[in-house]
Amino acid sequence: MLGRLTEAELRAAIDYARARREYAHPEITAQIKPNLGEEIVRIEERQGYTEVVKRQTCPDGCTDCPHGPFLYHVREELRPEDGTHLHWVYLGRIQTEDSQSDSR
């Protein structure tokens, strides 16, 4: 069937397939959302993982806020029982330009 399509029809089919794939399976960056009390500072795609930097805030009265920023590596894992899942690996606290200026 695809072999009979004109070049324009084939390009339209490719565009449709790409859009459908993105709808059915969003990129990791689109799946990453902050939890309550968290702020996503940065998300960067890397070879084999997505790098995420987050910071956390506490309710009023905490003298050490904000906490972080913290570095995570996130990968998508396939689970036979329920499809895909984001696997977060905590790597620790990091220094960023923002956190250096906060500590001055």
Foldseek 3Di string as FASTA:
>chain_A
DLVPDDPVVNVVVVVVVVVVCCVVPPDPVVVDDDDPQKDWPDWADDVQWIKTWMWGADPPPDPDPTHARWIWTWHWDQDPVPGIDIDIDTDGGDDDPVNVVVVD
